[in-house]
Amino acid sequence: MLNKITYLTIFIFFTYLIADDSDIYKSNSYGWNVPNSQLNIGGYLDMTYDDEREDKFLFNDIAMILSSHKERFDFLGEIELVNISPREESSSRSDVDIYLERVQLSYALSDEQTIQIGRFNSDIGYWNQAPIPILEDTTTKPHLIGHMFPKSTTGILYRQNLNGEDTLSFTLQDNHDIAHQDNLISINRHFGFSYHDVYDDFSLRLAGGLYREKDGINTTYLGVGAEYELDDFTMQGELFTQQSRDKEDNPYSGYLQSSWNFTKREDLVARFEAYDDKNIGMQEEIYLFGYLYRPWTNMALKIEYVYHTHLPLNRFVYSLSVLF
């Protein structure tokens, strides 16, 4: 039922948002502003080369992003073409996969309170808040993304600004995911909270919640993250654990990553990661060393070496991301 209400609500307000009102709103967003409207159209593409895959070269994402703002309303939609191989003889896929990554409508109740409805990135941790590849320092993602909590939520988010940059949010989902293809955890219920506290250059995040998978298994999760950010150096870490009903073991997953901005356009990245995932019966440690080059603000070239202590996945990974 909520899915139908979500679609109808977003459609009605999207129509309202794109109506021209040039005295109220002037776009300074990315992409292209549709003349005589409030609609902006942009996108990005992400290409990777990974020697361990059957299709070594892939267009991971070719995405279109729609955005609009009017008075207290904000709309954001993102549609992706994913895992496109240039090899015609590739046996791994014959059709292009189309994902609905995000479709969300936000309303500012006041300067301190916002409510959001639709499908959005779950308000959990640090890494999960960087939804497009060009904003991420590495091509590969930490294991905890998609394994320890739902990456995306289809439901309602309420966010309260406490003082300055500190925020508290609550998430509610009690329906099926409207686009579950990119969620490793397929859920039909999610209740969660997130707290973000900022102390000058240091910040702290705490998150926890409960989700129910389609097979009826209920799982609780709890995680903490911290970040120390200077002009030329960033240190970030997150650690999550979870508990499922009728399971004695508590899996965990965490990482610690540092980024050194040694020139205006270049970064060096190092990451240590460890996880114990009972669902796949694997305990692993991963070391990553990477180089990031941004010739322009809308382009990122990444090269990284990934070393696994157990799995035979030691390799170089290359990627190019462009925002347009």
C-alpha atoms as a PDB file:
ATOM      1  CA  MET A   1       0.000   0.000   0.000  1.00  0.00           C
ATOM      2  CA  LEU A   2       2.799   2.396   0.933  1.00  0.00           C
ATOM      3  CA  ASN A   3       4.464   1.762  -2.443  1.00  0.00           C
ATOM      4  CA  LYS A   4       1.377   3.052  -4.296  1.00  0.00           C
ATOM      5  CA  ILE A   5       1.077   6.074  -2.006  1.00  0.00           C
ATOM      6  CA  THR A   6       4.792   6.781  -2.468  1.00  0.00           C
ATOM      7  CA  TYR A   7       4.565   6.719  -6.287  1.00  0.00           C
ATOM      8  CA  LEU A   8       1.421   8.904  -6.322  1.00  0.00           C
ATOM      9  CA  THR A   9       2.804  11.442  -3.857  1.00  0.00           C
ATOM     10  CA  ILE A  10       6.118  11.794  -5.661  1.00  0.00           C
ATOM     11  CA  PHE A  11       4.409  12.104  -9.060  1.00  0.00           C
ATOM     12  CA  ILE A  12       2.067  14.887  -7.866  1.00  0.00           C
ATOM     13  CA  PHE A  13       4.819  16.909  -6.237  1.00  0.00           C
ATOM     14  CA  PHE A  14       7.286  16.306  -9.072  1.00  0.00           C
ATOM     15  CA  THR A  15       4.756  17.921 -11.423  1.00  0.00           C
ATOM     16  CA  TYR A  16       4.492  20.835  -9.013  1.00  0.00           C
ATOM     17  CA  LEU A  17       8.257  21.172  -8.632  1.00  0.00           C
ATOM     18  CA  ILE A  18       9.113  21.391 -12.333  1.00  0.00           C
ATOM     19  CA  ALA A  19       6.608  24.186 -12.942  1.00  0.00           C
ATOM     20  CA  ASP A  20       8.524  27.364 -13.742  1.00  0.00           C
ATOM     21  CA  ASP A  21       8.927  29.915 -10.942  1.00  0.00           C
ATOM     22  CA  SER A  22      12.069  31.818 -11.798  1.00  0.00           C
ATOM     23  CA  ASP A  23      11.581  34.475  -9.120  1.00  0.00           C
ATOM     24  CA  ILE A  24      11.728  31.845  -6.382  1.00  0.00           C
ATOM     25  CA  TYR A  25      14.422  29.496  -7.607  1.00  0.00           C
ATOM     26  CA  LYS A  26      17.589  29.802  -9.645  1.00  0.00           C
ATOM     27  CA  SER A  27      19.378  26.541 -10.342  1.00  0.00           C
ATOM     28  CA  ASN A  28      23.042  26.211  -9.419  1.00  0.00           C
ATOM     29  CA  SER A  29      23.046  22.421  -9.500  1.00  0.00           C
ATOM     30  CA  TYR A  30      25.003  20.047 -11.710  1.00  0.00           C
ATOM     31  CA  GLY A  31      23.770  19.038 -15.145  1.00  0.00           C
ATOM     32  CA  TRP A  32      21.488  20.977 -17.431  1.00  0.00           C
ATOM     33  CA  ASN A  33      18.520  23.094 -16.415  1.00  0.00           C
ATOM     34  CA  VAL A  34      15.478  22.473 -18.611  1.00  0.00           C
ATOM     35  CA  PRO A  35      14.383  25.919 -19.897  1.00  0.00           C
ATOM     36  CA  ASN A  36      11.288  27.402 -18.276  1.00  0.00           C
ATOM     37  CA  SER A  37      11.216  24.737 -15.567  1.00  0.00           C
ATOM     38  CA  GLN A  38      12.698  23.819 -12.204  1.00  0.00           C
ATOM     39  CA  LEU A  39      14.062  20.523 -13.543  1.00  0.00           C
ATOM     40  CA  ASN A  40      17.791  19.749 -13.733  1.00  0.00           C
ATOM     41  CA  ILE A  41      19.093  16.761 -15.685  1.00  0.00           C
ATOM     42  CA  GLY A  42      22.548  15.349 -15.063  1.00  0.00           C
ATOM     43  CA  GLY A  43      24.266  12.026 -14.698  1.00  0.00           C
ATOM     44  CA  TYR A  44      27.501  10.115 -14.424  1.00  0.00           C
ATOM     45  CA  LEU A  45      29.309   7.121 -15.848  1.00  0.00           C
ATOM     46  CA  ASP A  46      31.675   4.755 -14.102  1.00  0.00           C
ATOM     47  CA  MET A  47      34.014   2.405 -15.989  1.00  0.00           C
ATOM     48  CA  THR A  48      36.163  -0.268 -14.323  1.00  0.00           C
ATOM     49  CA  TYR A  49      38.833  -2.775 -15.293  1.00  0.00           C
ATOM     50  CA  ASP A  50      39.188  -5.749 -12.953  1.00  0.00           C
ATOM     51  CA  ASP A  51      41.355  -8.683 -14.022  1.00  0.00           C
ATOM     52  CA  GLU A  52      39.533 -11.137 -11.732  1.00  0.00           C
ATOM     53  CA  ARG A  53      36.159 -10.747 -13.484  1.00  0.00           C
ATOM     54  CA  GLU A  54      34.972 -12.685 -16.510  1.00  0.00           C
ATOM     55  CA  ASP A  55      34.161  -9.342 -18.135  1.00  0.00           C
ATOM     56  CA  LYS A  56      37.342  -7.544 -17.211  1.00  0.00           C
ATOM     57  CA  PHE A  57      36.190  -4.186 -18.582  1.00  0.00           C
ATOM     58  CA  LEU A  58      32.719  -2.990 -17.575  1.00  0.00           C
ATOM     59  CA  PHE A  59      30.620   0.119 -17.622  1.00  0.00           C
ATOM     60  CA  ASN A  60      29.559  -0.356 -14.002  1.00  0.00           C
ATOM     61  CA  ASP A  61      27.069   2.505 -14.087  1.00  0.00           C
ATOM     62  CA  ILE A  62      25.637   4.853 -16.670  1.00  0.00           C
ATOM     63  CA  ALA A  63      23.185   6.956 -14.695  1.00  0.00           C
ATOM     64  CA  MET A  64      20.723   9.777 -15.255  1.00  0.00           C
ATOM     65  CA  ILE A  65      19.913  12.063 -12.328  1.00  0.00           C
ATOM     66  CA  LEU A  66      16.853  14.313 -12.147  1.00  0.00           C
ATOM     67  CA  SER A  67      16.639  16.979  -9.475  1.00  0.00           C
ATOM     68  CA  SER A  68      14.393  19.878  -8.638  1.00  0.00           C
ATOM     69  CA  HIS A  69      13.857  22.357  -5.821  1.00  0.00           C
ATOM     70  CA  LYS A  70      10.990  24.685  -5.050  1.00  0.00           C
ATOM     71  CA  GLU A  71      10.250  26.454  -1.808  1.00  0.00           C
ATOM     72  CA  ARG A  72      10.390  23.721   0.878  1.00  0.00           C
ATOM     73  CA  PHE A  73      10.389  20.764  -1.534  1.00  0.00           C
ATOM     74  CA  ASP A  74      13.326  18.859  -3.026  1.00  0.00           C
ATOM     75  CA  PHE A  75      13.103  16.022  -5.533  1.00  0.00           C
ATOM     76  CA  LEU A  76      15.845  13.620  -6.588  1.00  0.00           C
ATOM     77  CA  GLY A  77      15.608  10.670  -8.972  1.00  0.00           C
ATOM     78  CA  GLU A  78      18.367   8.387 -10.253  1.00  0.00           C
ATOM     79  CA  ILE A  79      18.116   5.637 -12.877  1.00  0.00           C
ATOM     80  CA  GLU A  80      21.096   3.437 -13.758  1.00  0.00           C
ATOM     81  CA  LEU A  81      22.173   1.163 -16.576  1.00  0.00           C
ATOM     82  CA  VAL A  82      24.555  -1.252 -14.863  1.00  0.00           C
ATOM     83  CA  ASN A  83      27.218  -3.868 -15.639  1.00  0.00           C
ATOM     84  CA  ILE A  84      27.431  -3.212 -19.376  1.00  0.00           C
ATOM     85  CA  SER A  85      30.166  -5.200 -21.106  1.00  0.00           C
ATOM     86  CA  PRO A  86      31.588  -4.083 -24.482  1.00  0.00           C
ATOM     87  CA  ARG A  87      32.240  -7.738 -25.360  1.00  0.00           C
ATOM     88  CA  GLU A  88      29.494  -8.930 -27.678  1.00  0.00           C
ATOM     89  CA  GLU A  89      30.456 -12.545 -27.010  1.00  0.00           C
ATOM     90  CA  SER A  90      30.141 -12.135 -23.237  1.00  0.00           C
ATOM     91  CA  SER A  91      28.250 -15.095 -21.830  1.00  0.00           C
ATOM     92  CA  SER A  92      27.522 -13.544 -18.448  1.00  0.00           C
ATOM     93  CA  ARG A  93      24.654 -11.310 -19.583  1.00  0.00           C
ATOM     94  CA  SER A  94      22.641 -10.664 -22.710  1.00  0.00           C
ATOM     95  CA  ASP A  95      20.462  -7.784 -21.580  1.00  0.00           C
ATOM     96  CA  VAL A  96      21.189  -4.407 -20.043  1.00  0.00           C
ATOM     97  CA  ASP A  97      20.124  -4.166 -16.388  1.00  0.00           C
ATOM     98  CA  ILE A  98      18.150  -1.047 -15.439  1.00  0.00           C
ATOM     99  CA  TYR A  99      18.002  -0.092 -11.764  1.00  0.00           C
ATOM    100  CA  LEU A 100      15.962   2.557 -10.004  1.00  0.00           C
ATOM    101  CA  GLU A 101      18.628   3.687  -7.562  1.00  0.00           C
ATOM    102  CA  ARG A 102      16.816   6.590  -5.880  1.00  0.00           C
ATOM    103  CA  VAL A 103      13.501   8.400  -6.115  1.00  0.00           C
ATOM    104  CA  GLN A 104      12.937  10.643  -3.143  1.00  0.00           C
ATOM    105  CA  LEU A 105      10.901  13.687  -2.191  1.00  0.00           C
ATOM    106  CA  SER A 106      11.954  15.857   0.750  1.00  0.00           C
ATOM    107  CA  TYR A 107       9.994  18.530   2.574  1.00  0.00           C
ATOM    108  CA  ALA A 108      11.548  20.990   5.044  1.00  0.00           C
ATOM    109  CA  LEU A 109       9.161  21.187   7.987  1.00  0.00           C
ATOM    110  CA  SER A 110      11.363  23.951   9.409  1.00  0.00           C
ATOM    111  CA  ASP A 111      14.992  25.047   9.325  1.00  0.00           C
ATOM    112  CA  GLU A 112      15.805  22.166  11.676  1.00  0.00           C
ATOM    113  CA  GLN A 113      13.426  19.392  10.566  1.00  0.00           C
ATOM    114  CA  THR A 114      13.096  17.485   7.292  1.00  0.00           C
ATOM    115  CA  ILE A 115      10.890  14.591   6.241  1.00  0.00           C
ATOM    116  CA  GLN A 116      11.669  12.424   3.219  1.00  0.00           C
ATOM    117  CA  ILE A 117       9.650   9.774   1.403  1.00  0.00           C
ATOM    118  CA  GLY A 118      10.583   7.368  -1.383  1.00  0.00           C
ATOM    119  CA  ARG A 119      13.632   5.213  -2.037  1.00  0.00           C
ATOM    120  CA  PHE A 120      16.871   6.645  -0.672  1.00  0.00           C
ATOM    121  CA  ASN A 121      20.282   5.640   0.607  1.00  0.00           C
ATOM    122  CA  SER A 122      19.869   4.502   4.195  1.00  0.00           C
ATOM    123  CA  ASP A 123      21.057   7.218   6.566  1.00  0.00           C
ATOM    124  CA  ILE A 124      23.731   4.980   8.085  1.00  0.00           C
ATOM    125  CA  GLY A 125      27.435   5.563   8.541  1.00  0.00           C
ATOM    126  CA  TYR A 126      29.848   7.538   6.365  1.00  0.00           C
ATOM    127  CA  TRP A 127      30.479   5.466   3.235  1.00  0.00           C
ATOM    128  CA  ASN A 128      26.794   4.850   2.564  1.00  0.00           C
ATOM    129  CA  GLN A 129      26.280   8.622   2.292  1.00  0.00           C
ATOM    130  CA  ALA A 130      28.460   8.823  -0.851  1.00  0.00           C
ATOM    131  CA  PRO A 131      25.959   7.430  -3.379  1.00  0.00           C
ATOM    132  CA  ILE A 132      27.888   8.020  -6.611  1.00  0.00           C
ATOM    133  CA  PRO A 133      31.358   6.658  -7.516  1.00  0.00           C
ATOM    134  CA  ILE A 134      33.057  10.005  -8.137  1.00  0.00           C
ATOM    135  CA  LEU A 135      32.541  10.924  -4.469  1.00  0.00           C
ATOM    136  CA  GLU A 136      34.233   7.739  -3.232  1.00  0.00           C
ATOM    137  CA  ASP A 137      37.999   7.538  -2.754  1.00  0.00           C
ATOM    138  CA  THR A 138      38.279   3.945  -4.007  1.00  0.00           C
ATOM    139  CA  THR A 139      36.660   1.798  -6.685  1.00  0.00           C
ATOM    140  CA  THR A 140      36.026  -1.171  -4.390  1.00  0.00           C
ATOM    141  CA  LYS A 141      33.703  -0.704  -1.433  1.00  0.00           C
ATOM    142  CA  PRO A 142      34.168  -2.009   2.117  1.00  0.00           C
ATOM    143  CA  HIS A 143      32.457  -5.335   2.820  1.00  0.00           C
ATOM    144  CA  LEU A 144      30.039  -3.831   5.354  1.00  0.00           C
ATOM    145  CA  ILE A 145      28.241  -1.880   2.597  1.00  0.00           C
ATOM    146  CA  GLY A 146      25.238  -4.018   1.711  1.00  0.00           C
ATOM    147  CA  HIS A 147      26.129  -6.870   4.091  1.00  0.00           C
ATOM    148  CA  MET A 148      25.653  -5.468   7.608  1.00  0.00           C
ATOM    149  CA  PHE A 149      22.624  -3.224   7.037  1.00  0.00           C
ATOM    150  CA  PRO A 150      20.228  -2.345   4.179  1.00  0.00           C
ATOM    151  CA  LYS A 151      22.046  -0.129   1.677  1.00  0.00           C
ATOM    152  CA  SER A 152      18.764   1.474   0.562  1.00  0.00           C
ATOM    153  CA  THR A 153      15.401   2.030   2.194  1.00  0.00           C
ATOM    154  CA  THR A 154      11.951   2.442   0.639  1.00  0.00           C
ATOM    155  CA  GLY A 155       9.968   4.330   3.228  1.00  0.00           C
ATOM    156  CA  ILE A 156      10.075   7.480   5.344  1.00  0.00           C
ATOM    157  CA  LEU A 157      13.017   9.333   6.871  1.00  0.00           C
ATOM    158  CA  TYR A 158      12.725  12.033   9.534  1.00  0.00           C
ATOM    159  CA  ARG A 159      15.815  14.140  10.255  1.00  0.00           C
ATOM    160  CA  GLN A 160      16.266  16.669  13.074  1.00  0.00           C
ATOM    161  CA  ASN A 161      19.164  19.138  13.227  1.00  0.00           C
ATOM    162  CA  LEU A 162      20.084  19.395  16.902  1.00  0.00           C
ATOM    163  CA  ASN A 163      22.579  22.251  16.934  1.00  0.00           C
ATOM    164  CA  GLY A 164      24.624  23.318  13.970  1.00  0.00           C
ATOM    165  CA  GLU A 165      25.892  20.196  12.169  1.00  0.00           C
ATOM    166  CA  ASP A 166      24.672  17.588  14.688  1.00  0.00           C
ATOM    167  CA  THR A 167      21.731  15.515  13.435  1.00  0.00           C
ATOM    168  CA  LEU A 168      19.405  12.736  14.577  1.00  0.00           C
ATOM    169  CA  SER A 169      17.339  10.714  12.112  1.00  0.00           C
ATOM    170  CA  PHE A 170      14.762   7.924  12.198  1.00  0.00           C
ATOM    171  CA  THR A 171      13.901   5.565   9.325  1.00  0.00           C
ATOM    172  CA  LEU A 172      10.711   3.569   8.839  1.00  0.00           C
ATOM    173  CA  GLN A 173       9.949   0.944   6.188  1.00  0.00           C
ATOM    174  CA  ASP A 174       7.086  -1.561   6.430  1.00  0.00           C
ATOM    175  CA  ASN A 175       6.668  -2.590   2.793  1.00  0.00           C
ATOM    176  CA  HIS A 176       8.586  -4.198  -0.068  1.00  0.00           C
ATOM    177  CA  ASP A 177      11.523  -2.421  -1.672  1.00  0.00           C
ATOM    178  CA  ILE A 178      10.349  -0.774  -4.899  1.00  0.00           C
ATOM    179  CA  ALA A 179      13.717  -1.549  -6.562  1.00  0.00           C
ATOM    180  CA  HIS A 180      15.588  -4.256  -4.698  1.00  0.00           C
ATOM    181  CA  GLN A 181      18.116  -5.219  -7.391  1.00  0.00           C
ATOM    182  CA  ASP A 182      21.022  -3.288  -5.843  1.00  0.00           C
ATOM    183  CA  ASN A 183      20.292  -4.384  -2.270  1.00  0.00           C
ATOM    184  CA  LEU A 184      22.277  -7.468  -1.262  1.00  0.00           C
ATOM    185  CA  ILE A 185      19.882  -7.690   1.687  1.00  0.00           C
ATOM    186  CA  SER A 186      16.321  -7.942   0.307  1.00  0.00           C
ATOM    187  CA  ILE A 187      14.000  -6.532   2.958  1.00  0.00           C
ATOM    188  CA  ASN A 188      10.342  -5.734   3.564  1.00  0.00           C
ATOM    189  CA  ARG A 189      10.776  -4.003   6.931  1.00  0.00           C
ATOM    190  CA  HIS A 190      13.365  -1.623   8.344  1.00  0.00           C
ATOM    191  CA  PHE A 191      13.380   0.503  11.484  1.00  0.00           C
ATOM    192  CA  GLY A 192      16.532   2.463  12.157  1.00  0.00           C
ATOM    193  CA  PHE A 193      18.113   5.484  13.794  1.00  0.00           C
ATOM    194  CA  SER A 194      21.284   7.466  13.141  1.00  0.00           C
ATOM    195  CA  TYR A 195      23.101  10.084  15.207  1.00  0.00           C
ATOM    196  CA  HIS A 196      25.824  12.362  13.814  1.00  0.00           C
ATOM    197  CA  ASP A 197      27.916  14.568  16.125  1.00  0.00           C
ATOM    198  CA  VAL A 198      30.577  17.041  14.947  1.00  0.00           C
ATOM    199  CA  TYR A 199      33.455  18.454  16.996  1.00  0.00           C
ATOM    200  CA  ASP A 200      35.441  20.814  14.756  1.00  0.00           C
ATOM    201  CA  ASP A 201      37.633  18.500  12.592  1.00  0.00           C
ATOM    202  CA  PHE A 202      36.341  15.322  14.277  1.00  0.00           C
ATOM    203  CA  SER A 203      32.934  13.718  13.806  1.00  0.00           C
ATOM    204  CA  LEU A 204      31.178  10.650  15.173  1.00  0.00           C
ATOM    205  CA  ARG A 205      28.298   8.536  13.830  1.00  0.00           C
ATOM    206  CA  LEU A 206      26.189   5.977  15.669  1.00  0.00           C
ATOM    207  CA  ALA A 207      23.530   3.863  13.954  1.00  0.00           C
ATOM    208  CA  GLY A 208      21.337   0.929  14.815  1.00  0.00           C
ATOM    209  CA  GLY A 209      18.145  -0.753  13.780  1.00  0.00           C
ATOM    210  CA  LEU A 210      16.123  -3.806  12.896  1.00  0.00           C
ATOM    211  CA  TYR A 211      15.318  -5.209   9.452  1.00  0.00           C
ATOM    212  CA  ARG A 212      13.316  -8.179   8.234  1.00  0.00           C
ATOM    213  CA  GLU A 213      14.338 -10.053   5.107  1.00  0.00           C
ATOM    214  CA  LYS A 214      11.855 -11.510   2.641  1.00  0.00           C
ATOM    215  CA  ASP A 215      12.356 -14.974   4.108  1.00  0.00           C
ATOM    216  CA  GLY A 216      11.095 -13.675   7.468  1.00  0.00           C
ATOM    217  CA  ILE A 217      14.443 -13.552   9.308  1.00  0.00           C
ATOM    218  CA  ASN A 218      14.732 -10.587  11.686  1.00  0.00           C
ATOM    219  CA  THR A 219      18.165  -9.044  12.205  1.00  0.00           C
ATOM    220  CA  THR A 220      19.332  -6.226  14.445  1.00  0.00           C
ATOM    221  CA  TYR A 221      22.456  -4.197  13.641  1.00  0.00           C
ATOM    222  CA  LEU A 222      24.560  -1.676  15.507  1.00  0.00           C
ATOM    223  CA  GLY A 223      27.503   0.347  14.277  1.00  0.00           C
ATOM    224  CA  VAL A 224      29.806   3.221  15.098  1.00  0.00           C
ATOM    225  CA  GLY A 225      31.983   5.373  12.865  1.00  0.00           C
ATOM    226  CA  ALA A 226      34.426   8.242  13.261  1.00  0.00           C
ATOM    227  CA  GLU A 227      36.167  10.672  10.932  1.00  0.00           C
ATOM    228  CA  TYR A 228      39.032  13.117  11.368  1.00  0.00           C
ATOM    229  CA  GLU A 229      39.277  15.545   8.453  1.00  0.00           C
ATOM    230  CA  LEU A 230      41.909  18.184   7.687  1.00  0.00           C
ATOM    231  CA  ASP A 231      42.546  20.137   4.480  1.00  0.00           C
ATOM    232  CA  ASP A 232      45.014  17.559   3.150  1.00  0.00           C
ATOM    233  CA  PHE A 233      44.363  14.448   5.251  1.00  0.00           C
ATOM    234  CA  THR A 234      41.341  12.349   6.236  1.00  0.00           C
ATOM    235  CA  MET A 235      41.087   9.349   8.521  1.00  0.00           C
ATOM    236  CA  GLN A 236      37.794   7.427   8.578  1.00  0.00           C
ATOM    237  CA  GLY A 237      36.665   4.198  10.197  1.00  0.00           C
ATOM    238  CA  GLU A 238      33.490   2.205  10.760  1.00  0.00           C
ATOM    239  CA  LEU A 239      32.624  -0.979  12.657  1.00  0.00           C
ATOM    240  CA  PHE A 240      29.282  -2.827  12.520  1.00  0.00           C
ATOM    241  CA  THR A 241      27.894  -5.985  14.053  1.00  0.00           C
ATOM    242  CA  GLN A 242      24.549  -7.745  13.787  1.00  0.00           C
ATOM    243  CA  GLN A 243      22.451 -10.387  15.519  1.00  0.00           C
ATOM    244  CA  SER A 244      19.885 -12.631  13.829  1.00  0.00           C
ATOM    245  CA  ARG A 245      17.214 -14.631  15.564  1.00  0.00           C
ATOM    246  CA  ASP A 246      18.170 -18.261  16.300  1.00  0.00           C
ATOM    247  CA  LYS A 247      21.836 -17.567  15.493  1.00  0.00           C
ATOM    248  CA  GLU A 248      24.421 -17.543  18.261  1.00  0.00           C
ATOM    249  CA  ASP A 249      27.282 -16.013  16.289  1.00  0.00           C
ATOM    250  CA  ASN A 250      27.528 -12.252  15.811  1.00  0.00           C
ATOM    251  CA  PRO A 251      29.223 -11.336  12.517  1.00  0.00           C
ATOM    252  CA  TYR A 252      31.207  -8.123  12.323  1.00  0.00           C
ATOM    253  CA  SER A 253      32.669  -5.952   9.592  1.00  0.00           C
ATOM    254  CA  GLY A 254      34.824  -2.852   9.785  1.00  0.00           C
ATOM    255  CA  TYR A 255      37.457  -0.772   8.059  1.00  0.00           C
ATOM    256  CA  LEU A 256      39.959   1.998   8.707  1.00  0.00           C
ATOM    257  CA  GLN A 257      40.886   4.228   5.761  1.00  0.00           C
ATOM    258  CA  SER A 258      43.237   7.181   5.368  1.00  0.00           C
ATOM    259  CA  SER A 259      43.440   9.601   2.439  1.00  0.00           C
ATOM    260  CA  TRP A 260      46.324  12.005   1.886  1.00  0.00           C
ATOM    261  CA  ASN A 261      45.719  14.860  -0.545  1.00  0.00           C
ATOM    262  CA  PHE A 262      49.391  15.428  -1.472  1.00  0.00           C
ATOM    263  CA  THR A 263      48.653  17.755  -4.418  1.00  0.00           C
ATOM    264  CA  LYS A 264      45.607  19.752  -5.465  1.00  0.00           C
ATOM    265  CA  ARG A 265      44.415  16.936  -7.762  1.00  0.00           C
ATOM    266  CA  GLU A 266      46.024  13.779  -6.322  1.00  0.00           C
ATOM    267  CA  ASP A 267      45.323  11.552  -3.323  1.00  0.00           C
ATOM    268  CA  LEU A 268      46.967   8.474  -1.865  1.00  0.00           C
ATOM    269  CA  VAL A 269      44.601   6.059  -0.120  1.00  0.00           C
ATOM    270  CA  ALA A 270      45.249   3.178   2.282  1.00  0.00           C
ATOM    271  CA  ARG A 271      42.585   0.944   3.818  1.00  0.00           C
ATOM    272  CA  PHE A 272      42.599  -1.974   6.225  1.00  0.00           C
ATOM    273  CA  GLU A 273      39.448  -4.047   6.423  1.00  0.00           C
ATOM    274  CA  ALA A 274      38.370  -7.076   8.438  1.00  0.00           C
ATOM    275  CA  TYR A 275      35.147  -9.031   8.590  1.00  0.00           C
ATOM    276  CA  ASP A 276      33.676 -12.253   9.921  1.00  0.00           C
ATOM    277  CA  ASP A 277      30.605 -13.013   7.827  1.00  0.00           C
ATOM    278  CA  LYS A 278      28.713 -16.065   9.081  1.00  0.00           C
ATOM    279  CA  ASN A 279      26.279 -15.885   6.172  1.00  0.00           C
ATOM    280  CA  ILE A 280      29.006 -16.814   3.701  1.00  0.00           C
ATOM    281  CA  GLY A 281      31.208 -18.661   6.188  1.00  0.00           C
ATOM    282  CA  MET A 282      34.225 -16.420   5.656  1.00  0.00           C
ATOM    283  CA  GLN A 283      36.648 -14.559   7.896  1.00  0.00           C
ATOM    284  CA  GLU A 284      38.863 -12.194   5.940  1.00  0.00           C
ATOM    285  CA  GLU A 285      41.331  -9.329   6.154  1.00  0.00           C
ATOM    286  CA  ILE A 286      41.879  -6.971   3.220  1.00  0.00           C
ATOM    287  CA  TYR A 287      44.615  -4.406   2.575  1.00  0.00           C
ATOM    288  CA  LEU A 288      44.179  -1.727  -0.078  1.00  0.00           C
ATOM    289  CA  PHE A 289      46.613   0.847  -1.467  1.00  0.00           C
ATOM    290  CA  GLY A 290      45.292   3.323  -4.024  1.00  0.00           C
ATOM    291  CA  TYR A 291      45.965   6.416  -6.076  1.00  0.00           C
ATOM    292  CA  LEU A 292      43.281   8.940  -7.023  1.00  0.00           C
ATOM    293  CA  TYR A 293      43.678  11.644  -9.677  1.00  0.00           C
ATOM    294  CA  ARG A 294      41.078  14.347 -10.368  1.00  0.00           C
ATOM    295  CA  PRO A 295      42.060  16.329 -13.489  1.00  0.00           C
ATOM    296  CA  TRP A 296      38.794  18.232 -13.128  1.00  0.00           C
ATOM    297  CA  THR A 297      36.213  18.399 -10.351  1.00  0.00           C
ATOM    298  CA  ASN A 298      33.806  16.222 -12.367  1.00  0.00           C
ATOM    299  CA  MET A 299      36.295  13.456 -13.222  1.00  0.00           C
ATOM    300  CA  ALA A 300      38.200  10.880 -11.146  1.00  0.00           C
ATOM    301  CA  LEU A 301      40.771   8.252 -12.197  1.00  0.00           C
ATOM    302  CA  LYS A 302      41.477   5.557  -9.586  1.00  0.00           C
ATOM    303  CA  ILE A 303      44.130   2.836  -9.419  1.00  0.00           C
ATOM    304  CA  GLU A 304      44.302   0.454  -6.474  1.00  0.00           C
ATOM    305  CA  TYR A 305      45.874  -2.811  -5.400  1.00  0.00           C
ATOM    306  CA  VAL A 306      43.743  -5.081  -3.209  1.00  0.00           C
ATOM    307  CA  TYR A 307      45.337  -7.830  -1.105  1.00  0.00           C
ATOM    308  CA  HIS A 308      43.221 -10.566   0.554  1.00  0.00           C
ATOM    309  CA  THR A 309      44.676 -12.777   3.279  1.00  0.00           C
ATOM    310  CA  HIS A 310      42.428 -15.760   2.460  1.00  0.00           C
ATOM    311  CA  LEU A 311      40.434 -15.392  -0.741  1.00  0.00           C
ATOM    312  CA  PRO A 312      42.349 -15.631  -4.063  1.00  0.00           C
ATOM    313  CA  LEU A 313      41.322 -12.107  -5.082  1.00  0.00           C
ATOM    314  CA  ASN A 314      44.622 -10.208  -4.970  1.00  0.00           C
ATOM    315  CA  ARG A 315      44.552  -7.814  -7.921  1.00  0.00           C
ATOM    316  CA  PHE A 316      44.819  -4.337  -9.403  1.00  0.00           C
ATOM    317  CA  VAL A 317      41.568  -2.483 -10.081  1.00  0.00           C
ATOM    318  CA  TYR A 318      41.253   0.594 -12.339  1.00  0.00           C
ATOM    319  CA  SER A 319      38.320   2.941 -12.810  1.00  0.00           C
ATOM    320  CA  LEU A 320      37.273   6.190 -14.455  1.00  0.00           C
ATOM    321  CA  SER A 321      34.275   8.180 -13.186  1.00  0.00           C
ATOM    322  CA  VAL A 322      32.773  11.232 -14.899  1.00  0.00           C
ATOM    323  CA  LEU A 323      29.983  13.469 -13.607  1.00  0.00           C
ATOM    324  CA  PHE A 324      28.051  15.451 -16.207  1.00  0.00           C
END
